[in-house]
C-alpha atoms as a PDB file:
ATOM      1  CA  MET A   1     132.314 112.245  34.413  1.00  0.00           C
ATOM      2  CA  GLN A   2     133.002 109.703  37.052  1.00  0.00           C
ATOM      3  CA  GLN A   3     130.214 108.764  39.383  1.00  0.00           C
ATOM      4  CA  ARG A   4     131.240 108.645  43.052  1.00  0.00           C
ATOM      5  CA  ASN A   5     129.840 105.897  45.261  1.00  0.00           C
ATOM      6  CA  ALA A   6     127.853 107.206  48.219  1.00  0.00           C
ATOM      7  CA  GLY A   7     129.085 105.997  51.609  1.00  0.00           C
ATOM      8  CA  PHE A   8     131.349 106.694  54.534  1.00  0.00           C
ATOM      9  CA  THR A   9     135.074 106.525  54.547  1.00  0.00           C
ATOM     10  CA  LEU A  10     136.977 104.497  57.111  1.00  0.00           C
ATOM     11  CA  LEU A  11     138.243 107.708  58.713  1.00  0.00           C
ATOM     12  CA  GLU A  12     134.715 109.046  59.206  1.00  0.00           C
ATOM     13  CA  LEU A  13     133.624 105.786  60.828  1.00  0.00           C
ATOM     14  CA  LEU A  14     136.626 105.825  63.172  1.00  0.00           C
ATOM     15  CA  VAL A  15     135.832 109.390  64.262  1.00  0.00           C
ATOM     16  CA  VAL A  16     132.238 108.398  65.083  1.00  0.00           C
ATOM     17  CA  VAL A  17     133.412 105.355  67.065  1.00  0.00           C
ATOM     18  CA  VAL A  18     135.856 107.509  69.066  1.00  0.00           C
ATOM     19  CA  ILE A  19     133.117 110.038  69.877  1.00  0.00           C
ATOM     20  CA  ILE A  20     130.757 107.288  71.027  1.00  0.00           C
ATOM     21  CA  GLY A  21     133.540 105.802  73.165  1.00  0.00           C
ATOM     22  CA  LEU A  22     134.222 109.157  74.818  1.00  0.00           C
ATOM     23  CA  LEU A  23     130.545 109.646  75.598  1.00  0.00           C
ATOM     24  CA  ALA A  24     130.262 106.144  77.030  1.00  0.00           C
ATOM     25  CA  SER A  25     133.324 106.640  79.238  1.00  0.00           C
ATOM     26  CA  TYR A  26     131.792 109.819  80.653  1.00  0.00           C
ATOM     27  CA  VAL A  27     128.178 108.646  81.104  1.00  0.00           C
ATOM     28  CA  GLY A  28     128.833 105.003  82.096  1.00  0.00           C
ATOM     29  CA  PRO A  29     130.327 105.559  85.571  1.00  0.00           C
ATOM     30  CA  LYS A  30     127.615 108.072  86.489  1.00  0.00           C
ATOM     31  CA  TYR A  31     124.920 105.638  85.368  1.00  0.00           C
ATOM     32  CA  PHE A  32     126.308 102.686  87.342  1.00  0.00           C
ATOM     33  CA  ALA A  33     126.741 104.844  90.454  1.00  0.00           C
ATOM     34  CA  GLN A  34     123.010 105.551  90.322  1.00  0.00           C
ATOM     35  CA  ILE A  35     122.246 101.833  90.151  1.00  0.00           C
ATOM     36  CA  GLY A  36     124.091 101.285  93.441  1.00  0.00           C
ATOM     37  CA  LYS A  37     122.118 104.072  95.089  1.00  0.00           C
ATOM     38  CA  SER A  38     118.837 102.629  93.855  1.00  0.00           C
ATOM     39  CA  GLU A  39     119.667  99.177  95.270  1.00  0.00           C
ATOM     40  CA  SER A  40     120.236 100.713  98.705  1.00  0.00           C
ATOM     41  CA  ALA A  41     116.971 102.642  98.388  1.00  0.00           C
ATOM     42  CA  VAL A  42     115.111  99.420  97.538  1.00  0.00           C
ATOM     43  CA  ALA A  43     116.627  97.697 100.576  1.00  0.00           C
ATOM     44  CA  LYS A  44     115.564 100.591 102.830  1.00  0.00           C
ATOM     45  CA  ALA A  45     112.024 100.495 101.417  1.00  0.00           C
ATOM     46  CA  GLN A  46     111.750  96.738 101.964  1.00  0.00           C
ATOM     47  CA  ILE A  47     113.028  97.052 105.526  1.00  0.00           C
ATOM     48  CA  THR A  48     110.439  99.771 106.197  1.00  0.00           C
ATOM     49  CA  ALA A  49     107.708  97.456 104.872  1.00  0.00           C
ATOM     50  CA  PHE A  50     108.959  94.672 107.173  1.00  0.00           C
ATOM     51  CA  GLU A  51     108.847  97.066 110.140  1.00  0.00           C
ATOM     52  CA  LYS A  52     105.223  97.969 109.413  1.00  0.00           C
ATOM     53  CA  ALA A  53     104.251  94.312 109.124  1.00  0.00           C
ATOM     54  CA  LEU A  54     106.146  93.520 112.333  1.00  0.00           C
ATOM     55  CA  ASP A  55     104.310  96.335 114.142  1.00  0.00           C
ATOM     56  CA  THR A  56     100.995  94.789 113.109  1.00  0.00           C
ATOM     57  CA  TYR A  57     102.228  91.375 114.247  1.00  0.00           C
ATOM     58  CA  ARG A  58     103.182  92.880 117.598  1.00  0.00           C
ATOM     59  CA  ILE A  59      99.753  94.479 118.013  1.00  0.00           C
ATOM     60  CA  ASP A  60      98.064  91.122 117.414  1.00  0.00           C
ATOM     61  CA  LEU A  61     100.367  88.874 119.448  1.00  0.00           C
ATOM     62  CA  GLY A  62     101.819  91.325 121.970  1.00  0.00           C
ATOM     63  CA  ARG A  63     105.407  90.589 120.947  1.00  0.00           C
ATOM     64  CA  PHE A  64     107.739  90.570 117.968  1.00  0.00           C
ATOM     65  CA  PRO A  65     108.723  87.248 116.388  1.00  0.00           C
ATOM     66  CA  THR A  66     111.814  85.726 117.960  1.00  0.00           C
ATOM     67  CA  THR A  67     115.068  85.453 116.033  1.00  0.00           C
ATOM     68  CA  GLU A  68     114.359  81.747 115.526  1.00  0.00           C
ATOM     69  CA  GLU A  69     110.875  82.440 114.113  1.00  0.00           C
ATOM     70  CA  GLY A  70     112.322  85.157 111.891  1.00  0.00           C
ATOM     71  CA  LEU A  71     110.508  87.095 109.214  1.00  0.00           C
ATOM     72  CA  ALA A  72     108.759  83.865 108.171  1.00  0.00           C
ATOM     73  CA  ALA A  73     106.405  84.448 111.133  1.00  0.00           C
ATOM     74  CA  LEU A  74     104.848  87.237 109.064  1.00  0.00           C
ATOM     75  CA  LEU A  75     103.594  84.664 106.551  1.00  0.00           C
ATOM     76  CA  GLU A  76     102.918  81.549 108.638  1.00  0.00           C
ATOM     77  CA  ASN A  77     101.701  81.155 112.205  1.00  0.00           C
ATOM     78  CA  PRO A  78     104.859  79.872 113.928  1.00  0.00           C
ATOM     79  CA  ALA A  79     103.285  78.491 117.092  1.00  0.00           C
ATOM     80  CA  ALA A  80      99.653  77.950 116.071  1.00  0.00           C
ATOM     81  CA  ASN A  81      98.784  81.033 118.117  1.00  0.00           C
ATOM     82  CA  ALA A  82      95.060  81.879 118.049  1.00  0.00           C
ATOM     83  CA  LYS A  83      95.816  85.622 118.099  1.00  0.00           C
ATOM     84  CA  TRP A  84      97.845  85.431 114.867  1.00  0.00           C
ATOM     85  CA  ASN A  85      95.885  87.303 112.203  1.00  0.00           C
ATOM     86  CA  GLY A  86      98.246  87.011 109.236  1.00  0.00           C
ATOM     87  CA  PRO A  87      99.699  86.772 106.777  1.00  0.00           C
ATOM     88  CA  TYR A  88     101.103  90.223 107.397  1.00  0.00           C
ATOM     89  CA  LEU A  89     102.805  90.502 104.005  1.00  0.00           C
ATOM     90  CA  LYS A  90     101.016  90.291 100.669  1.00  0.00           C
ATOM     91  CA  LYS A  91     103.809  88.345  98.987  1.00  0.00           C
ATOM     92  CA  SER A  92     106.644  86.084 100.061  1.00  0.00           C
ATOM     93  CA  ILE A  93     109.647  87.558 101.822  1.00  0.00           C
ATOM     94  CA  PRO A  94     111.890  89.038  99.129  1.00  0.00           C
ATOM     95  CA  LEU A  95     115.639  88.704  99.026  1.00  0.00           C
ATOM     96  CA  ASP A  96     117.655  91.877  99.382  1.00  0.00           C
ATOM     97  CA  PRO A  97     118.603  93.645  96.106  1.00  0.00           C
ATOM     98  CA  TRP A  98     121.888  91.699  96.071  1.00  0.00           C
ATOM     99  CA  GLY A  99     120.146  88.303  96.219  1.00  0.00           C
ATOM    100  CA  ARG A 100     120.690  87.422  99.891  1.00  0.00           C
ATOM    101  CA  GLN A 101     118.324  86.923 102.826  1.00  0.00           C
ATOM    102  CA  TYR A 102     117.677  89.793 105.211  1.00  0.00           C
ATOM    103  CA  LEU A 103     119.047  89.209 108.695  1.00  0.00           C
ATOM    104  CA  TYR A 104     116.443  89.482 111.467  1.00  0.00           C
ATOM    105  CA  GLN A 105     117.191  89.595 115.164  1.00  0.00           C
ATOM    106  CA  SER A 106     114.850  90.043 118.113  1.00  0.00           C
ATOM    107  CA  PRO A 107     115.744  91.122 120.691  1.00  0.00           C
ATOM    108  CA  ALA A 108     118.650  93.059 119.239  1.00  0.00           C
ATOM    109  CA  LYS A 109     121.509  94.792 121.036  1.00  0.00           C
ATOM    110  CA  ASP A 110     120.093  98.309 121.258  1.00  0.00           C
ATOM    111  CA  LYS A 111     116.593  97.806 119.823  1.00  0.00           C
ATOM    112  CA  GLU A 112     113.672  95.452 120.052  1.00  0.00           C
ATOM    113  CA  ILE A 113     114.191  94.291 116.466  1.00  0.00           C
ATOM    114  CA  GLU A 114     116.948  94.608 113.926  1.00  0.00           C
ATOM    115  CA  ILE A 115     116.657  93.947 110.184  1.00  0.00           C
ATOM    116  CA  THR A 116     119.886  94.152 108.193  1.00  0.00           C
ATOM    117  CA  SER A 117     121.258  93.651 104.712  1.00  0.00           C
ATOM    118  CA  TYR A 118     125.041  93.576 104.419  1.00  0.00           C
ATOM    119  CA  GLY A 119     125.041  95.356 101.062  1.00  0.00           C
ATOM    120  CA  LYS A 120     126.741  94.400  97.844  1.00  0.00           C
ATOM    121  CA  ASP A 121     129.752  92.657  99.411  1.00  0.00           C
ATOM    122  CA  GLY A 122     127.691  90.532 101.837  1.00  0.00           C
ATOM    123  CA  GLN A 123     130.060  91.394 104.712  1.00  0.00           C
ATOM    124  CA  ALA A 124     129.393  93.446 107.841  1.00  0.00           C
ATOM    125  CA  GLY A 125     130.530  97.036 107.552  1.00  0.00           C
ATOM    126  CA  GLY A 126     131.702  98.672 104.377  1.00  0.00           C
ATOM    127  CA  THR A 127     131.200 101.933 102.553  1.00  0.00           C
ATOM    128  CA  GLY A 128     129.419 103.001  99.390  1.00  0.00           C
ATOM    129  CA  ASP A 129     127.609 100.091  97.722  1.00  0.00           C
ATOM    130  CA  ASP A 130     129.119  97.713 100.296  1.00  0.00           C
ATOM    131  CA  ALA A 131     127.605  99.592 103.261  1.00  0.00           C
ATOM    132  CA  ASP A 132     125.118  97.788 105.507  1.00  0.00           C
ATOM    133  CA  VAL A 133     121.472  98.782 105.238  1.00  0.00           C
ATOM    134  CA  GLY A 134     119.284  98.380 108.289  1.00  0.00           C
ATOM    135  CA  ASN A 135     116.535  99.826 110.442  1.00  0.00           C
END
């Protein structure tokens, strides 16, 4: 009797590779769509944390930092003000989830303060992952 070598044939391996490819093509887009949503959620959470720190700053100094002072006023006393009781953030000011600085404006057009991230594309406006995130 002939002894048959144990192993897989080329056809069996090709079938497995095709099945894995089909699964990846179905799951991959859904997975990466969730990543975009989580980046926006992180940006919203960071902006909310900035707002809380800015509220504390306002209670101590009676005003929000100016646009020129920016969010850095939460970490360092910008004008050697005796009422400053910071730092108001535990860590340094993070970049947005896309690696860019948050934009801070005070006074803003319709609000006292405005904190914005331009999203994935870094441009004003946009939809989906490219949409602006702000307070």
